[in-house]
């Protein structure tokens, strides 16, 4: 396809890595196909996955910890892609890599999209997401605390700063008594996820009591229960 400038509308990022062979192995495990790989005189790797094309140049002196390269990939079904990549990485490494290089996160619901983060062995970071209109888990009906709740929510899901989110929880403790119904359930889910990924023991007693009080599920309560079950089932 061409735009009105006559340029073909396709962009291929060219990113750094230390070893093109290591990069190839990682991306092949995810389902990418190698279009071309050259180890000398100038190491270079070309990959594709459906309509997505990624290129890498090799530099042995390159350090993954110093890499600030980022790229956003928009996909049709972020949950399906996350499941596929997570399963592939677990099979490739024997466990799901959650820290270091490489690593992959869970899918998170943000303001305008659902996304997860994938960092490859070279430290290149990909935000992979799908646009969504549903902001259910990020919004509260209680207007007096809705804005402060989104601050905590975004620290946890957007910044992915579990330590900071955990340090903020004491300031939000009063919400347990003040919130009711779905608002309270959303807050408790955030608390549980913060506890889980900051190394604390998840406390789900208050949420289970809410489920018992609720009785028959509505569509919104089914969303709450589903996320709760997913949180319990998630592997580190």
Protein backbone atom coordinates (compact mmCIF):
# COMPACT_ATOMS: atom_id res chain seq x y z
CA UNK A 1 0.00 0.00 0.00
CA UNK A 2 1.18 3.53 -0.75
CA UNK A 3 0.27 6.82 0.90
CA UNK A 4 -0.11 10.12 -0.94
CA UNK A 5 3.66 10.72 -0.82
CA UNK A 6 4.29 7.64 -2.91
CA UNK A 7 6.18 5.92 -0.08
CA UNK A 8 5.40 2.31 0.77
CA UNK A 9 3.85 2.15 4.24
CA UNK A 10 6.12 -0.34 5.94
CA UNK A 11 8.68 0.24 8.67
CA UNK A 12 11.32 -2.31 9.69
CA UNK A 13 13.18 -1.53 12.93
CA UNK A 14 16.91 -2.31 12.97
CA UNK A 15 18.02 -3.01 16.53
CA UNK A 16 21.30 -3.89 18.25
CA UNK A 17 22.42 -7.20 19.69
CA UNK A 18 25.64 -8.84 20.77
CA UNK A 19 25.22 -12.18 19.02
CA UNK A 20 22.96 -12.61 15.99
CA UNK A 21 22.90 -16.39 16.46
CA UNK A 22 21.59 -16.05 20.02
CA UNK A 23 18.97 -13.60 18.76
CA UNK A 24 17.93 -15.99 16.02
CA UNK A 25 17.51 -18.85 18.49
CA UNK A 26 15.36 -16.73 20.80
CA UNK A 27 13.02 -15.45 18.10
CA UNK A 28 12.75 -18.81 16.37
CA UNK A 29 11.52 -20.22 19.69
CA UNK A 30 8.75 -17.60 19.57
CA UNK A 31 7.74 -18.65 16.07
CA UNK A 32 9.67 -16.15 13.96
CA UNK A 33 11.28 -17.23 10.69
CA UNK A 34 14.84 -16.29 9.78
CA UNK A 35 14.89 -14.43 6.46
CA UNK A 36 18.67 -14.07 6.48
CA UNK A 37 21.59 -14.31 8.89
CA UNK A 38 25.17 -13.18 8.34
CA UNK A 39 27.95 -13.58 10.88
CA UNK A 40 30.74 -11.77 8.99
CA UNK A 41 32.09 -9.33 8.13
CA UNK A 42 29.13 -7.37 9.49
CA UNK A 43 26.81 -9.51 11.64
CA UNK A 44 23.19 -9.04 10.61
CA UNK A 45 19.92 -10.88 11.18
CA UNK A 46 16.57 -10.51 9.43
CA UNK A 47 13.42 -12.13 10.85
CA UNK A 48 9.73 -12.11 10.10
CA UNK A 49 6.57 -13.21 11.88
CA UNK A 50 3.48 -12.76 9.76
CA UNK A 51 3.56 -9.12 8.65
CA UNK A 52 6.11 -8.18 11.32
CA UNK A 53 9.74 -7.82 10.21
CA UNK A 54 12.62 -7.30 12.66
CA UNK A 55 16.27 -6.73 11.79
CA UNK A 56 19.30 -6.80 14.10
CA UNK A 57 22.93 -5.81 13.71
CA UNK A 58 25.64 -7.45 15.80
CA UNK A 59 28.16 -5.72 18.04
CA UNK A 60 30.17 -7.88 20.45
CA UNK A 61 30.88 -4.92 22.72
CA UNK A 62 27.18 -4.19 23.13
CA UNK A 63 25.68 -4.60 26.63
CA UNK A 64 22.03 -5.58 27.08
CA UNK A 65 21.81 -3.66 30.36
CA UNK A 66 22.63 -0.43 28.49
CA UNK A 67 20.00 -0.94 25.79
CA UNK A 68 17.13 1.56 25.76
CA UNK A 69 15.69 0.50 22.39
CA UNK A 70 11.90 0.12 22.41
CA UNK A 71 9.24 -0.83 19.87
CA UNK A 72 5.44 -1.14 20.02
CA UNK A 73 3.73 -3.97 18.15
CA UNK A 74 -0.04 -3.82 17.70
CA UNK A 75 -1.67 -7.26 17.39
CA UNK A 76 -5.26 -8.43 16.99
CA UNK A 77 -5.39 -10.60 20.13
CA UNK A 78 -2.81 -9.70 22.75
CA UNK A 79 -3.92 -12.46 25.12
CA UNK A 80 -3.42 -15.12 22.46
CA UNK A 81 0.03 -13.78 21.57
CA UNK A 82 1.06 -13.56 25.22
CA UNK A 83 -0.05 -17.14 25.83
CA UNK A 84 1.79 -18.35 22.73
CA UNK A 85 5.02 -16.53 23.60
CA UNK A 86 4.89 -17.49 27.28
CA UNK A 87 4.36 -21.16 26.43
CA UNK A 88 7.20 -21.07 23.90
CA UNK A 89 9.63 -19.42 26.32
CA UNK A 90 8.77 -21.86 29.10
CA UNK A 91 9.49 -24.74 26.75
CA UNK A 92 12.71 -23.10 25.50
CA UNK A 93 14.14 -22.13 28.91
CA UNK A 94 12.41 -24.59 31.23
CA UNK A 95 10.61 -21.76 33.03
CA UNK A 96 8.91 -18.46 32.26
CA UNK A 97 11.60 -15.72 32.36
CA UNK A 98 10.19 -12.86 34.44
CA UNK A 99 13.41 -10.99 35.21
CA UNK A 100 16.71 -10.25 33.49
CA UNK A 101 17.33 -10.83 29.78
CA UNK A 102 15.16 -12.12 28.24
CA UNK A 103 11.89 -11.65 30.10
CA UNK A 104 8.15 -11.47 29.48
CA UNK A 105 5.35 -9.96 31.55
CA UNK A 106 1.68 -10.74 31.95
CA UNK A 107 -0.96 -8.87 29.95
CA UNK A 108 -2.06 -5.63 31.61
CA UNK A 109 -5.11 -3.44 30.99
CA UNK A 110 -4.14 0.22 30.52
CA UNK A 111 -6.11 3.30 29.49
CA UNK A 112 -6.36 2.63 25.76
CA UNK A 113 -5.00 -0.87 25.30
CA UNK A 114 -4.14 -4.23 26.80
CA UNK A 115 -0.43 -4.99 26.54
CA UNK A 116 2.50 -6.99 27.77
CA UNK A 117 6.24 -6.38 27.64
CA UNK A 118 8.78 -8.65 25.96
CA UNK A 119 12.51 -8.00 26.37
CA UNK A 120 14.87 -10.06 24.23
CA UNK A 121 18.37 -11.34 25.16
CA UNK A 122 19.92 -8.11 23.82
CA UNK A 123 17.71 -5.89 25.98
CA UNK A 124 15.45 -4.66 23.17
CA UNK A 125 12.02 -4.04 24.68
CA UNK A 126 8.75 -4.66 22.84
CA UNK A 127 5.38 -3.44 24.04
CA UNK A 128 2.85 -5.77 22.44
CA UNK A 129 -0.80 -4.82 22.69
CA UNK A 130 -4.34 -4.62 21.36
CA UNK A 131 -6.62 -1.59 21.46
CA UNK A 132 -9.58 -1.94 23.79
CA UNK A 133 -12.53 0.22 24.68
CA UNK A 134 -13.20 -1.52 28.02
CA UNK A 135 -11.55 0.31 30.94
CA UNK A 136 -13.46 -1.71 33.50
CA UNK A 137 -10.66 -2.64 35.91
CA UNK A 138 -9.06 0.82 35.92
CA UNK A 139 -12.17 2.84 36.77
CA UNK A 140 -14.18 3.19 39.99
CA UNK A 141 -17.69 4.56 40.38
CA UNK A 142 -16.72 6.27 43.65
CA UNK A 143 -15.67 9.63 42.22
CA UNK A 144 -13.94 10.84 45.39
CA UNK A 145 -11.25 8.14 45.15
CA UNK A 146 -11.35 7.24 41.45
CA UNK A 147 -8.40 9.46 40.48
CA UNK A 148 -6.14 8.32 43.31
CA UNK A 149 -6.97 4.70 42.50
CA UNK A 150 -5.84 5.15 38.89
CA UNK A 151 -2.47 6.40 40.18
CA UNK A 152 -1.89 3.12 42.04
CA UNK A 153 -3.27 1.13 39.11
CA UNK A 154 -0.93 2.77 36.61
CA UNK A 155 2.13 2.35 38.84
CA UNK A 156 1.39 -1.37 38.97
CA UNK A 157 0.30 -2.02 35.39
CA UNK A 158 1.86 0.73 33.29
CA UNK A 159 5.16 1.42 35.08
CA UNK A 160 5.34 -2.19 36.33
CA UNK A 161 7.02 -0.89 39.48
CA UNK A 162 5.95 -3.49 42.04
CA UNK A 163 8.15 -2.09 44.79
CA UNK A 164 6.69 1.39 44.44
CA UNK A 165 3.15 0.01 44.28
CA UNK A 166 3.76 -1.99 47.48
CA UNK A 167 5.09 1.11 49.24
CA UNK A 168 1.90 2.97 48.28
CA UNK A 169 -0.53 0.36 49.64
CA UNK A 170 -0.59 1.66 53.26
CA UNK A 171 -1.89 5.01 51.98
CA UNK A 172 -4.77 3.19 50.30
CA UNK A 173 -5.65 0.86 53.19
CA UNK A 174 -8.70 2.93 54.15
CA UNK A 175 -10.35 1.98 50.85
CA UNK A 176 -11.05 -1.52 52.17
CA UNK A 177 -13.67 -0.06 54.50
CA UNK A 178 -14.85 2.79 52.29
CA UNK A 179 -15.42 1.00 48.99
CA UNK A 180 -18.34 -1.27 48.23
CA UNK A 181 -19.23 -3.90 45.66
CA UNK A 182 -17.36 -3.88 42.36
CA UNK A 183 -15.19 -0.92 43.36
CA UNK A 184 -13.95 -2.81 46.40
CA UNK A 185 -13.33 -5.94 44.33
CA UNK A 186 -11.25 -4.00 41.78
CA UNK A 187 -9.16 -2.48 44.56
CA UNK A 188 -8.62 -5.87 46.24
CA UNK A 189 -7.43 -7.36 42.95
CA UNK A 190 -4.83 -4.59 42.65
CA UNK A 191 -3.73 -5.26 46.24
CA UNK A 192 -3.40 -8.98 45.58
CA UNK A 193 -1.38 -8.50 42.42
CA UNK A 194 0.88 -5.97 44.14
CA UNK A 195 1.46 -8.44 46.96
CA UNK A 196 2.17 -11.29 44.57
CA UNK A 197 4.76 -9.52 42.46
CA UNK A 198 6.46 -7.67 45.30
CA UNK A 199 7.20 -10.98 47.04
CA UNK A 200 4.46 -10.81 49.67
CA UNK A 201 1.80 -13.37 50.51
CA UNK A 202 -1.44 -12.73 48.65
CA UNK A 203 -4.38 -12.05 50.95
CA UNK A 204 -7.63 -12.99 49.24
CA UNK A 205 -9.95 -13.42 52.23
CA UNK A 206 -11.74 -10.10 51.77
CA UNK A 207 -12.34 -10.78 48.08
CA UNK A 208 -13.65 -14.28 48.73
CA UNK A 209 -16.10 -12.86 51.27
CA UNK A 210 -17.27 -10.39 48.65
CA UNK A 211 -17.91 -13.26 46.26
CA UNK A 212 -19.97 -15.05 48.91
CA UNK A 213 -22.01 -11.92 49.62
CA UNK A 214 -22.61 -11.25 45.94
CA UNK A 215 -24.39 -14.50 45.18
CA UNK A 216 -25.46 -14.78 41.54
CA UNK A 217 -22.91 -13.39 39.08
CA UNK A 218 -23.59 -10.50 36.74
CA UNK A 219 -21.40 -9.94 33.69
CA UNK A 220 -19.18 -7.54 35.66
CA UNK A 221 -18.75 -9.93 38.58
CA UNK A 222 -17.82 -12.66 36.13
CA UNK A 223 -14.98 -10.40 34.94
CA UNK A 224 -13.83 -10.01 38.55
CA UNK A 225 -13.94 -13.76 39.20
CA UNK A 226 -12.11 -14.52 35.97
CA UNK A 227 -9.28 -12.12 36.78
CA UNK A 228 -9.09 -13.51 40.32
CA UNK A 229 -8.76 -17.07 39.02
CA UNK A 230 -6.14 -15.99 36.48
CA UNK A 231 -4.16 -14.29 39.24
CA UNK A 232 -4.17 -17.45 41.34
CA UNK A 233 -3.13 -19.55 38.35
CA UNK A 234 -0.36 -17.29 37.07
CA UNK A 235 3.15 -18.71 37.28
CA UNK A 236 6.10 -16.66 38.38
